[in-house]
Amino acid sequence: MTVTMDAPAATGAGGGVLERRYRRLLRGYPRDYRTEHGDEIISTLLETAEPGRTVPSARESLALLSGGLRTRVVSATRRPVWIDAVHLGVLAVSLTQLATLVPYATSVPLWTGLSALAVLLVMCGRVRLALPVTALIATKIGAVTLGRPWLDATLLPVYRDPLWDDGRGAALYGGGGPVAPMTGYALVILGLLVLAVRAPRPPARSWLWWAAVPALAAADPAGLDFSHGPGAPAAARITVELGLLCLAAWAGRVTRDPRWATAAGIHLVPVCAVYAENLGAHGVQDLAHLAALILLTALAAVAPHHARRHTPL
């Protein structure tokens, strides 16, 4: 489709600016889709734009962003369901484990770095390389939760770095025993073993997953401790968790595919272990947080069964 002289269209310098902004919005679509349809979409948008306009309308921006996201989740269904689900779940749990260590990075730099390496390997689909790294970290975390230095001269307890200090003197895994953290690491190791032995190499994931780490980093891994006020760290954690679960439910409904619900369920297991290990120490708001996670995970599980099958693009 080309722009004709008779049709009102954005042209000249303003049209060039508008085109560049449209193309930025199109980055939400998969690369192969942009290659095949990108020029046609841009031509249509420029053809219908008012002369002199340099900024996409809010309606166009929302349509392009939502269309890109929808196209991405539909494209993801071309991959095997269980491989994708396990890989996503393992990545989500690994990111949470890294976020737990980040506020203590200067005290345990080696283990925080190894945790980041494990996340990078999982994100790139290198599950066989991620397996020994995760097992090494799990052994160290087990020693920390039991109060025993191992492999290095880590002094226990380990307290937060000044940048992350909230004035409560929170120690690394000081709010509970070894059961909850080791449940998460055991789950990751089991998932990596399954992927390494029984599946082809998983696909690489978006680098946008790294954005979840700072949002989760300052939240107490032993619970949000609402009795002291939720604060910005807890609010950030809740926003990320509930936002991703809502996205999983939406993706399941759009594609009628259970992979996102399965991944959400994998992530929920260590969260429930944290709450179970600290049973009796949580207030009503803490339990409401857990209930919201369970409810949205259940909604994500039900969504694929209450939607019409999506017609592939």
C-alpha atoms as a PDB file:
ATOM      1  CA  MET A   1       0.000   0.000   0.000  1.00  0.00           C
ATOM      2  CA  THR A   2       1.377   3.398  -0.961  1.00  0.00           C
ATOM      3  CA  VAL A   3       0.485   6.939  -0.042  1.00  0.00           C
ATOM      4  CA  THR A   4      -1.283   8.789  -2.887  1.00  0.00           C
ATOM      5  CA  MET A   5      -1.278  12.496  -3.550  1.00  0.00           C
ATOM      6  CA  ASP A   6      -5.070  12.689  -3.188  1.00  0.00           C
ATOM      7  CA  ALA A   7      -5.249  11.117   0.294  1.00  0.00           C
ATOM      8  CA  PRO A   8      -4.682  13.231   3.405  1.00  0.00           C
ATOM      9  CA  ALA A   9      -1.423  12.021   4.870  1.00  0.00           C
ATOM     10  CA  ALA A  10       1.418  13.028   7.140  1.00  0.00           C
ATOM     11  CA  THR A  11       4.269  14.072   4.859  1.00  0.00           C
ATOM     12  CA  GLY A  12       7.526  15.994   4.977  1.00  0.00           C
ATOM     13  CA  ALA A  13       9.613  16.349   8.142  1.00  0.00           C
ATOM     14  CA  GLY A  14       6.578  15.808  10.358  1.00  0.00           C
ATOM     15  CA  GLY A  15       5.755  12.602   8.501  1.00  0.00           C
ATOM     16  CA  GLY A  16       9.305  11.319   9.033  1.00  0.00           C
ATOM     17  CA  VAL A  17       9.091  11.945  12.779  1.00  0.00           C
ATOM     18  CA  LEU A  18       5.703  10.278  12.933  1.00  0.00           C
ATOM     19  CA  GLU A  19       6.966   7.273  10.993  1.00  0.00           C
ATOM     20  CA  ARG A  20       9.891   6.807  13.382  1.00  0.00           C
ATOM     21  CA  ARG A  21       7.523   6.892  16.355  1.00  0.00           C
ATOM     22  CA  TYR A  22       5.204   4.388  14.730  1.00  0.00           C
ATOM     23  CA  ARG A  23       8.155   2.081  14.134  1.00  0.00           C
ATOM     24  CA  ARG A  24       9.158   2.311  17.804  1.00  0.00           C
ATOM     25  CA  LEU A  25       5.656   1.195  18.767  1.00  0.00           C
ATOM     26  CA  LEU A  26       5.888  -1.663  16.271  1.00  0.00           C
ATOM     27  CA  ARG A  27       8.805  -3.125  18.222  1.00  0.00           C
ATOM     28  CA  GLY A  28       6.210  -4.726  20.453  1.00  0.00           C
ATOM     29  CA  TYR A  29       5.546  -7.158  17.594  1.00  0.00           C
ATOM     30  CA  PRO A  30       7.822 -10.160  16.931  1.00  0.00           C
ATOM     31  CA  ARG A  31      10.651  -9.470  14.502  1.00  0.00           C
ATOM     32  CA  ASP A  32       9.402 -11.846  11.802  1.00  0.00           C
ATOM     33  CA  TYR A  33       5.958 -10.225  11.938  1.00  0.00           C
ATOM     34  CA  ARG A  34       7.498  -6.754  11.578  1.00  0.00           C
ATOM     35  CA  THR A  35       9.544  -7.922   8.607  1.00  0.00           C
ATOM     36  CA  GLU A  36       6.478  -9.306   6.845  1.00  0.00           C
ATOM     37  CA  HIS A  37       3.833  -6.729   7.741  1.00  0.00           C
ATOM     38  CA  GLY A  38       5.633  -3.711   9.223  1.00  0.00           C
ATOM     39  CA  ASP A  39       5.870  -1.558   6.082  1.00  0.00           C
ATOM     40  CA  GLU A  40       2.238  -2.184   5.212  1.00  0.00           C
ATOM     41  CA  ILE A  41       1.093  -1.171   8.695  1.00  0.00           C
ATOM     42  CA  ILE A  42       3.245   1.977   8.673  1.00  0.00           C
ATOM     43  CA  SER A  43       1.968   2.968   5.226  1.00  0.00           C
ATOM     44  CA  THR A  44      -1.634   2.575   6.332  1.00  0.00           C
ATOM     45  CA  LEU A  45      -1.077   4.601   9.503  1.00  0.00           C
ATOM     46  CA  LEU A  46       0.688   7.406   7.637  1.00  0.00           C
ATOM     47  CA  GLU A  47      -1.992   7.467   4.977  1.00  0.00           C
ATOM     48  CA  THR A  48      -4.765   8.008   7.510  1.00  0.00           C
ATOM     49  CA  ALA A  49      -2.845  10.465   9.714  1.00  0.00           C
ATOM     50  CA  GLU A  50      -3.750  14.143   9.695  1.00  0.00           C
ATOM     51  CA  PRO A  51      -1.266  16.398   7.844  1.00  0.00           C
ATOM     52  CA  GLY A  52       1.350  17.864  10.159  1.00  0.00           C
ATOM     53  CA  ARG A  53       0.819  15.391  12.995  1.00  0.00           C
ATOM     54  CA  THR A  54       4.057  14.153  14.585  1.00  0.00           C
ATOM     55  CA  VAL A  55       2.765  12.110  17.538  1.00  0.00           C
ATOM     56  CA  PRO A  56       0.692   8.899  17.323  1.00  0.00           C
ATOM     57  CA  SER A  57      -2.709   9.216  18.930  1.00  0.00           C
ATOM     58  CA  ALA A  58      -3.383   7.509  22.247  1.00  0.00           C
ATOM     59  CA  ARG A  59      -5.782   5.139  20.501  1.00  0.00           C
ATOM     60  CA  GLU A  60      -3.191   4.166  17.882  1.00  0.00           C
ATOM     61  CA  SER A  61      -0.485   3.708  20.505  1.00  0.00           C
ATOM     62  CA  LEU A  62      -2.693   1.479  22.632  1.00  0.00           C
ATOM     63  CA  ALA A  63      -3.772  -0.536  19.589  1.00  0.00           C
ATOM     64  CA  LEU A  64      -0.187  -1.100  18.451  1.00  0.00           C
ATOM     65  CA  LEU A  65       1.043  -2.053  21.939  1.00  0.00           C
ATOM     66  CA  SER A  66      -1.853  -4.421  22.640  1.00  0.00           C
ATOM     67  CA  GLY A  67      -1.627  -5.864  19.128  1.00  0.00           C
ATOM     68  CA  GLY A  68       2.073  -6.512  19.556  1.00  0.00           C
ATOM     69  CA  LEU A  69       1.563  -8.235  22.883  1.00  0.00           C
ATOM     70  CA  ARG A  70      -1.283 -10.319  21.497  1.00  0.00           C
ATOM     71  CA  THR A  71       0.804 -11.347  18.493  1.00  0.00           C
ATOM     72  CA  ARG A  72       3.695 -12.340  20.751  1.00  0.00           C
ATOM     73  CA  VAL A  73       1.594 -14.596  22.981  1.00  0.00           C
ATOM     74  CA  VAL A  74      -0.040 -16.211  19.951  1.00  0.00           C
ATOM     75  CA  SER A  75       3.394 -16.797  18.411  1.00  0.00           C
ATOM     76  CA  ALA A  76       4.585 -18.392  21.650  1.00  0.00           C
ATOM     77  CA  THR A  77       2.007 -21.179  21.279  1.00  0.00           C
ATOM     78  CA  ARG A  78       4.040 -22.609  18.407  1.00  0.00           C
ATOM     79  CA  ARG A  79       6.502 -23.936  20.974  1.00  0.00           C
ATOM     80  CA  PRO A  80       5.827 -27.153  22.955  1.00  0.00           C
ATOM     81  CA  VAL A  81       3.541 -26.371  25.875  1.00  0.00           C
ATOM     82  CA  TRP A  82       5.220 -28.185  28.741  1.00  0.00           C
ATOM     83  CA  ILE A  83       8.772 -27.168  27.769  1.00  0.00           C
ATOM     84  CA  ASP A  84       7.775 -23.526  27.581  1.00  0.00           C
ATOM     85  CA  ALA A  85       5.790 -23.697  30.834  1.00  0.00           C
ATOM     86  CA  VAL A  86       8.605 -25.294  32.847  1.00  0.00           C
ATOM     87  CA  HIS A  87      11.181 -22.910  31.409  1.00  0.00           C
ATOM     88  CA  LEU A  88       9.056 -19.850  32.223  1.00  0.00           C
ATOM     89  CA  GLY A  89       8.353 -21.112  35.749  1.00  0.00           C
ATOM     90  CA  VAL A  90      12.025 -21.832  36.415  1.00  0.00           C
ATOM     91  CA  LEU A  91      12.989 -18.385  35.121  1.00  0.00           C
ATOM     92  CA  ALA A  92      10.412 -16.668  37.356  1.00  0.00           C
ATOM     93  CA  VAL A  93      11.619 -18.506  40.480  1.00  0.00           C
ATOM     94  CA  SER A  94      15.285 -17.867  39.590  1.00  0.00           C
ATOM     95  CA  LEU A  95      14.622 -14.141  39.232  1.00  0.00           C
ATOM     96  CA  THR A  96      12.988 -14.089  42.665  1.00  0.00           C
ATOM     97  CA  GLN A  97      15.982 -15.894  44.173  1.00  0.00           C
ATOM     98  CA  LEU A  98      18.369 -13.372  42.635  1.00  0.00           C
ATOM     99  CA  ALA A  99      16.224 -10.482  43.902  1.00  0.00           C
ATOM    100  CA  THR A 100      16.482 -11.926  47.416  1.00  0.00           C
ATOM    101  CA  LEU A 101      20.293 -11.725  47.301  1.00  0.00           C
ATOM    102  CA  VAL A 102      20.631  -8.295  45.667  1.00  0.00           C
ATOM    103  CA  PRO A 103      20.167  -6.233  48.900  1.00  0.00           C
ATOM    104  CA  TYR A 104      23.066  -8.214  50.446  1.00  0.00           C
ATOM    105  CA  ALA A 105      25.349  -8.055  47.388  1.00  0.00           C
ATOM    106  CA  THR A 106      28.368  -6.411  49.056  1.00  0.00           C
ATOM    107  CA  SER A 107      28.374  -9.058  51.815  1.00  0.00           C
ATOM    108  CA  VAL A 108      27.936 -12.013  49.460  1.00  0.00           C
ATOM    109  CA  PRO A 109      29.167 -10.689  46.077  1.00  0.00           C
ATOM    110  CA  LEU A 110      30.283 -14.078  44.769  1.00  0.00           C
ATOM    111  CA  TRP A 111      26.934 -15.743  45.378  1.00  0.00           C
ATOM    112  CA  THR A 112      24.922 -12.792  44.102  1.00  0.00           C
ATOM    113  CA  GLY A 113      27.032 -12.819  40.941  1.00  0.00           C
ATOM    114  CA  LEU A 114      26.575 -16.568  40.511  1.00  0.00           C
ATOM    115  CA  SER A 115      22.843 -16.142  40.999  1.00  0.00           C
ATOM    116  CA  ALA A 116      22.800 -13.493  38.257  1.00  0.00           C
ATOM    117  CA  LEU A 117      24.791 -15.863  36.043  1.00  0.00           C
ATOM    118  CA  ALA A 118      22.258 -18.627  36.681  1.00  0.00           C
ATOM    119  CA  VAL A 119      19.409 -16.305  35.669  1.00  0.00           C
ATOM    120  CA  LEU A 120      21.295 -15.291  32.510  1.00  0.00           C
ATOM    121  CA  LEU A 121      21.887 -18.932  31.549  1.00  0.00           C
ATOM    122  CA  VAL A 122      18.254 -19.853  32.149  1.00  0.00           C
ATOM    123  CA  MET A 123      17.120 -16.792  30.186  1.00  0.00           C
ATOM    124  CA  CYS A 124      19.318 -17.807  27.243  1.00  0.00           C
ATOM    125  CA  GLY A 125      18.041 -21.382  27.346  1.00  0.00           C
ATOM    126  CA  ARG A 126      21.404 -22.810  28.515  1.00  0.00           C
ATOM    127  CA  VAL A 127      19.782 -25.106  31.072  1.00  0.00           C
ATOM    128  CA  ARG A 128      22.626 -27.641  31.200  1.00  0.00           C
ATOM    129  CA  LEU A 129      25.078 -24.900  32.167  1.00  0.00           C
ATOM    130  CA  ALA A 130      22.602 -23.341  34.610  1.00  0.00           C
ATOM    131  CA  LEU A 131      22.135 -26.632  36.474  1.00  0.00           C
ATOM    132  CA  PRO A 132      25.552 -26.903  38.245  1.00  0.00           C
ATOM    133  CA  VAL A 133      25.606 -23.155  38.961  1.00  0.00           C
ATOM    134  CA  THR A 134      22.170 -23.332  40.609  1.00  0.00           C
ATOM    135  CA  ALA A 135      23.118 -26.452  42.573  1.00  0.00           C
ATOM    136  CA  LEU A 136      26.220 -24.668  43.927  1.00  0.00           C
ATOM    137  CA  ILE A 137      24.161 -21.635  44.980  1.00  0.00           C
ATOM    138  CA  ALA A 138      21.519 -23.869  46.572  1.00  0.00           C
ATOM    139  CA  THR A 139      24.179 -25.552  48.706  1.00  0.00           C
ATOM    140  CA  LYS A 140      25.473 -22.170  49.880  1.00  0.00           C
ATOM    141  CA  ILE A 141      21.973 -20.876  50.663  1.00  0.00           C
ATOM    142  CA  GLY A 142      21.264 -24.040  52.624  1.00  0.00           C
ATOM    143  CA  ALA A 143      24.379 -23.390  54.682  1.00  0.00           C
ATOM    144  CA  VAL A 144      23.349 -19.761  55.278  1.00  0.00           C
ATOM    145  CA  THR A 145      19.866 -20.746  56.479  1.00  0.00           C
ATOM    146  CA  LEU A 146      21.439 -23.273  58.869  1.00  0.00           C
ATOM    147  CA  GLY A 147      23.924 -20.670  60.160  1.00  0.00           C
ATOM    148  CA  ARG A 148      27.030 -22.418  58.833  1.00  0.00           C
ATOM    149  CA  PRO A 149      29.692 -20.677  56.712  1.00  0.00           C
ATOM    150  CA  TRP A 150      30.627 -22.789  53.680  1.00  0.00           C
ATOM    151  CA  LEU A 151      33.263 -22.341  50.961  1.00  0.00           C
ATOM    152  CA  ASP A 152      34.013 -18.761  51.989  1.00  0.00           C
ATOM    153  CA  ALA A 153      34.406 -16.656  55.121  1.00  0.00           C
ATOM    154  CA  THR A 154      30.848 -15.327  55.154  1.00  0.00           C
ATOM    155  CA  LEU A 155      29.998 -14.031  58.604  1.00  0.00           C
ATOM    156  CA  LEU A 156      26.478 -14.824  59.768  1.00  0.00           C
ATOM    157  CA  PRO A 157      24.031 -13.262  60.038  1.00  0.00           C
ATOM    158  CA  VAL A 158      24.275 -11.333  56.754  1.00  0.00           C
ATOM    159  CA  TYR A 159      22.642  -7.891  56.910  1.00  0.00           C
ATOM    160  CA  ARG A 160      21.463  -5.628  54.107  1.00  0.00           C
ATOM    161  CA  ASP A 161      23.709  -3.152  52.332  1.00  0.00           C
ATOM    162  CA  PRO A 162      23.221   0.515  53.369  1.00  0.00           C
ATOM    163  CA  LEU A 163      21.429   1.295  50.110  1.00  0.00           C
ATOM    164  CA  TRP A 164      18.756  -1.299  50.880  1.00  0.00           C
ATOM    165  CA  ASP A 165      18.648  -0.933  54.662  1.00  0.00           C
ATOM    166  CA  ASP A 166      15.092  -0.265  55.867  1.00  0.00           C
ATOM    167  CA  GLY A 167      16.087   0.251  59.514  1.00  0.00           C
ATOM    168  CA  ARG A 168      14.710  -3.094  60.673  1.00  0.00           C
ATOM    169  CA  GLY A 169      18.000  -4.980  60.585  1.00  0.00           C
ATOM    170  CA  ALA A 170      16.638  -7.692  58.299  1.00  0.00           C
ATOM    171  CA  ALA A 171      19.132 -10.550  57.887  1.00  0.00           C
ATOM    172  CA  LEU A 172      19.392 -12.779  54.839  1.00  0.00           C
ATOM    173  CA  TYR A 173      16.836 -15.561  55.334  1.00  0.00           C
ATOM    174  CA  GLY A 174      16.551 -14.425  58.941  1.00  0.00           C
ATOM    175  CA  GLY A 175      12.764 -14.684  58.979  1.00  0.00           C
ATOM    176  CA  GLY A 176      12.573 -18.448  58.691  1.00  0.00           C
ATOM    177  CA  GLY A 177      14.442 -21.726  58.367  1.00  0.00           C
ATOM    178  CA  PRO A 178      15.829 -23.646  55.403  1.00  0.00           C
ATOM    179  CA  VAL A 179      12.562 -25.224  54.220  1.00  0.00           C
ATOM    180  CA  ALA A 180      11.154 -22.326  52.170  1.00  0.00           C
ATOM    181  CA  PRO A 181      14.331 -21.252  50.329  1.00  0.00           C
ATOM    182  CA  MET A 182      15.403 -24.831  49.693  1.00  0.00           C
ATOM    183  CA  THR A 183      11.944 -25.645  48.315  1.00  0.00           C
ATOM    184  CA  GLY A 184      12.465 -22.953  45.690  1.00  0.00           C
ATOM    185  CA  TYR A 185      15.963 -24.116  44.788  1.00  0.00           C
ATOM    186  CA  ALA A 186      14.882 -27.762  44.674  1.00  0.00           C
ATOM    187  CA  LEU A 187      12.073 -26.782  42.311  1.00  0.00           C
ATOM    188  CA  VAL A 188      14.468 -24.903  40.011  1.00  0.00           C
ATOM    189  CA  ILE A 189      16.972 -27.771  39.990  1.00  0.00           C
ATOM    190  CA  LEU A 190      14.217 -30.289  39.242  1.00  0.00           C
ATOM    191  CA  GLY A 191      12.902 -28.120  36.398  1.00  0.00           C
ATOM    192  CA  LEU A 192      16.389 -27.686  34.942  1.00  0.00           C
ATOM    193  CA  LEU A 193      16.993 -31.433  35.153  1.00  0.00           C
ATOM    194  CA  VAL A 194      13.781 -32.164  33.277  1.00  0.00           C
ATOM    195  CA  LEU A 195      14.608 -29.601  30.588  1.00  0.00           C
ATOM    196  CA  ALA A 196      18.206 -30.804  30.271  1.00  0.00           C
ATOM    197  CA  VAL A 197      17.339 -34.496  29.968  1.00  0.00           C
ATOM    198  CA  ARG A 198      13.945 -34.647  28.269  1.00  0.00           C
ATOM    199  CA  ALA A 199      13.614 -31.572  26.096  1.00  0.00           C
ATOM    200  CA  PRO A 200      15.306 -29.660  23.282  1.00  0.00           C
ATOM    201  CA  ARG A 201      16.990 -26.424  24.185  1.00  0.00           C
ATOM    202  CA  PRO A 202      14.385 -23.850  25.335  1.00  0.00           C
ATOM    203  CA  PRO A 203      14.188 -20.529  23.490  1.00  0.00           C
ATOM    204  CA  ALA A 204      15.910 -17.389  24.711  1.00  0.00           C
ATOM    205  CA  ARG A 205      13.699 -15.040  26.712  1.00  0.00           C
ATOM    206  CA  SER A 206      13.265 -11.286  26.539  1.00  0.00           C
ATOM    207  CA  TRP A 207      15.782  -9.124  28.385  1.00  0.00           C
ATOM    208  CA  LEU A 208      12.811  -7.257  29.857  1.00  0.00           C
ATOM    209  CA  TRP A 209      12.640  -9.979  32.522  1.00  0.00           C
ATOM    210  CA  TRP A 210      15.603  -8.283  34.248  1.00  0.00           C
ATOM    211  CA  ALA A 211      13.340  -5.357  35.098  1.00  0.00           C
ATOM    212  CA  ALA A 212      11.594  -7.542  37.689  1.00  0.00           C
ATOM    213  CA  VAL A 213      14.747  -7.869  39.826  1.00  0.00           C
ATOM    214  CA  PRO A 214      14.940  -4.311  41.275  1.00  0.00           C
ATOM    215  CA  ALA A 215      11.159  -4.315  41.752  1.00  0.00           C
ATOM    216  CA  LEU A 216      11.393  -7.458  43.902  1.00  0.00           C
ATOM    217  CA  ALA A 217      14.763  -6.844  45.540  1.00  0.00           C
ATOM    218  CA  ALA A 218      13.798  -4.836  48.621  1.00  0.00           C
ATOM    219  CA  ALA A 219      10.785  -6.950  49.614  1.00  0.00           C
ATOM    220  CA  ASP A 220      11.319  -9.247  52.585  1.00  0.00           C
ATOM    221  CA  PRO A 221      11.593 -12.838  51.281  1.00  0.00           C
ATOM    222  CA  ALA A 222       9.974 -14.133  54.478  1.00  0.00           C
ATOM    223  CA  GLY A 223       6.791 -12.153  53.805  1.00  0.00           C
ATOM    224  CA  LEU A 224       5.777  -8.579  53.245  1.00  0.00           C
ATOM    225  CA  ASP A 225       5.422  -7.785  56.947  1.00  0.00           C
ATOM    226  CA  PHE A 226       2.460  -5.445  56.551  1.00  0.00           C
ATOM    227  CA  SER A 227       2.372  -4.900  60.314  1.00  0.00           C
ATOM    228  CA  HIS A 228       5.161  -2.335  59.821  1.00  0.00           C
ATOM    229  CA  GLY A 229       3.383  -0.748  56.866  1.00  0.00           C
ATOM    230  CA  PRO A 230       3.624  -2.052  53.307  1.00  0.00           C
ATOM    231  CA  GLY A 231       5.927   0.690  52.011  1.00  0.00           C
ATOM    232  CA  ALA A 232       7.299   1.137  48.495  1.00  0.00           C
ATOM    233  CA  PRO A 233       9.204  -2.210  48.293  1.00  0.00           C
ATOM    234  CA  ALA A 234       6.106  -4.236  49.142  1.00  0.00           C
ATOM    235  CA  ALA A 235       4.004  -2.164  46.747  1.00  0.00           C
ATOM    236  CA  ALA A 236       6.514  -2.786  43.950  1.00  0.00           C
ATOM    237  CA  ARG A 237       6.544  -6.507  44.638  1.00  0.00           C
ATOM    238  CA  ILE A 238       2.754  -6.729  44.696  1.00  0.00           C
ATOM    239  CA  THR A 239       2.492  -4.744  41.459  1.00  0.00           C
ATOM    240  CA  VAL A 240       4.924  -7.057  39.656  1.00  0.00           C
ATOM    241  CA  GLU A 241       3.363 -10.247  40.989  1.00  0.00           C
ATOM    242  CA  LEU A 242      -0.263  -9.340  40.368  1.00  0.00           C
ATOM    243  CA  GLY A 243       0.532  -7.690  37.039  1.00  0.00           C
ATOM    244  CA  LEU A 244       2.281 -10.796  35.695  1.00  0.00           C
ATOM    245  CA  LEU A 245      -0.494 -13.076  36.956  1.00  0.00           C
ATOM    246  CA  CYS A 246      -3.137 -10.919  35.270  1.00  0.00           C
ATOM    247  CA  LEU A 247      -1.054 -11.075  32.098  1.00  0.00           C
ATOM    248  CA  ALA A 248      -0.874 -14.879  32.397  1.00  0.00           C
ATOM    249  CA  ALA A 249      -4.661 -15.085  32.733  1.00  0.00           C
ATOM    250  CA  TRP A 250      -5.142 -12.794  29.739  1.00  0.00           C
ATOM    251  CA  ALA A 251      -2.653 -14.766  27.602  1.00  0.00           C
ATOM    252  CA  GLY A 252      -4.373 -18.026  28.515  1.00  0.00           C
ATOM    253  CA  ARG A 253      -7.742 -16.621  27.522  1.00  0.00           C
ATOM    254  CA  VAL A 254      -6.454 -15.181  24.226  1.00  0.00           C
ATOM    255  CA  THR A 255      -4.680 -18.377  23.133  1.00  0.00           C
ATOM    256  CA  ARG A 256      -6.636 -21.039  25.045  1.00  0.00           C
ATOM    257  CA  ASP A 257      -3.253 -22.361  26.118  1.00  0.00           C
ATOM    258  CA  PRO A 258      -2.261 -23.485  29.654  1.00  0.00           C
ATOM    259  CA  ARG A 259       1.478 -22.788  29.552  1.00  0.00           C
ATOM    260  CA  TRP A 260       1.271 -19.450  31.392  1.00  0.00           C
ATOM    261  CA  ALA A 261      -0.961 -20.878  34.114  1.00  0.00           C
ATOM    262  CA  THR A 262       1.483 -23.774  34.584  1.00  0.00           C
ATOM    263  CA  ALA A 263       4.402 -21.357  34.907  1.00  0.00           C
ATOM    264  CA  ALA A 264       2.412 -19.289  37.427  1.00  0.00           C
ATOM    265  CA  GLY A 265       1.720 -22.433  39.434  1.00  0.00           C
ATOM    266  CA  ILE A 266       5.432 -23.282  39.541  1.00  0.00           C
ATOM    267  CA  HIS A 267       6.189 -19.804  40.871  1.00  0.00           C
ATOM    268  CA  LEU A 268       3.445 -20.103  43.495  1.00  0.00           C
ATOM    269  CA  VAL A 269       4.944 -23.234  45.122  1.00  0.00           C
ATOM    270  CA  PRO A 270       7.943 -21.539  46.848  1.00  0.00           C
ATOM    271  CA  VAL A 271       5.740 -18.568  47.800  1.00  0.00           C
ATOM    272  CA  CYS A 272       3.370 -20.924  49.615  1.00  0.00           C
ATOM    273  CA  ALA A 273       6.386 -22.600  51.250  1.00  0.00           C
ATOM    274  CA  VAL A 274       7.498 -19.205  52.624  1.00  0.00           C
ATOM    275  CA  TYR A 275       4.078 -18.591  54.137  1.00  0.00           C
ATOM    276  CA  ALA A 276       3.834 -22.158  55.487  1.00  0.00           C
ATOM    277  CA  GLU A 277       7.230 -21.959  57.183  1.00  0.00           C
ATOM    278  CA  ASN A 278       6.251 -18.677  58.845  1.00  0.00           C
ATOM    279  CA  LEU A 279       2.725 -19.779  59.721  1.00  0.00           C
ATOM    280  CA  GLY A 280       1.323 -17.748  62.589  1.00  0.00           C
ATOM    281  CA  ALA A 281       3.662 -14.803  62.006  1.00  0.00           C
ATOM    282  CA  HIS A 282       1.523 -13.193  59.296  1.00  0.00           C
ATOM    283  CA  GLY A 283      -1.275 -10.707  59.729  1.00  0.00           C
ATOM    284  CA  VAL A 284      -4.531 -10.376  57.849  1.00  0.00           C
ATOM    285  CA  GLN A 285      -2.965  -8.266  55.089  1.00  0.00           C
ATOM    286  CA  ASP A 286      -0.195 -10.820  54.536  1.00  0.00           C
ATOM    287  CA  LEU A 287      -2.781 -13.555  54.144  1.00  0.00           C
ATOM    288  CA  ALA A 288      -4.802 -11.337  51.798  1.00  0.00           C
ATOM    289  CA  HIS A 289      -1.684 -11.005  49.647  1.00  0.00           C
ATOM    290  CA  LEU A 290      -1.306 -14.793  49.514  1.00  0.00           C
ATOM    291  CA  ALA A 291      -5.012 -15.226  48.769  1.00  0.00           C
ATOM    292  CA  ALA A 292      -4.741 -12.766  45.865  1.00  0.00           C
ATOM    293  CA  LEU A 293      -1.826 -14.737  44.397  1.00  0.00           C
ATOM    294  CA  ILE A 294      -3.705 -18.027  44.702  1.00  0.00           C
ATOM    295  CA  LEU A 295      -6.891 -16.525  43.253  1.00  0.00           C
ATOM    296  CA  LEU A 296      -5.147 -15.040  40.217  1.00  0.00           C
ATOM    297  CA  THR A 297      -3.176 -18.248  39.635  1.00  0.00           C
ATOM    298  CA  ALA A 298      -6.448 -20.184  39.718  1.00  0.00           C
ATOM    299  CA  LEU A 299      -7.979 -17.646  37.328  1.00  0.00           C
ATOM    300  CA  ALA A 300      -5.045 -18.145  34.950  1.00  0.00           C
ATOM    301  CA  ALA A 301      -5.632 -21.911  35.127  1.00  0.00           C
ATOM    302  CA  VAL A 302      -9.337 -21.570  34.348  1.00  0.00           C
ATOM    303  CA  ALA A 303      -9.008 -18.914  31.617  1.00  0.00           C
ATOM    304  CA  PRO A 304      -7.878 -21.257  28.789  1.00  0.00           C
ATOM    305  CA  HIS A 305     -10.959 -23.425  29.298  1.00  0.00           C
ATOM    306  CA  HIS A 306     -13.413 -20.523  29.087  1.00  0.00           C
ATOM    307  CA  ALA A 307     -12.314 -18.927  25.849  1.00  0.00           C
ATOM    308  CA  ARG A 308     -12.797 -19.584  22.181  1.00  0.00           C
ATOM    309  CA  ARG A 309      -9.746 -20.877  20.370  1.00  0.00           C
ATOM    310  CA  HIS A 310      -7.784 -18.033  18.838  1.00  0.00           C
ATOM    311  CA  THR A 311      -7.405 -18.016  15.058  1.00  0.00           C
ATOM    312  CA  PRO A 312      -3.675 -17.782  14.232  1.00  0.00           C
ATOM    313  CA  LEU A 313      -2.598 -14.594  12.467  1.00  0.00           C
END
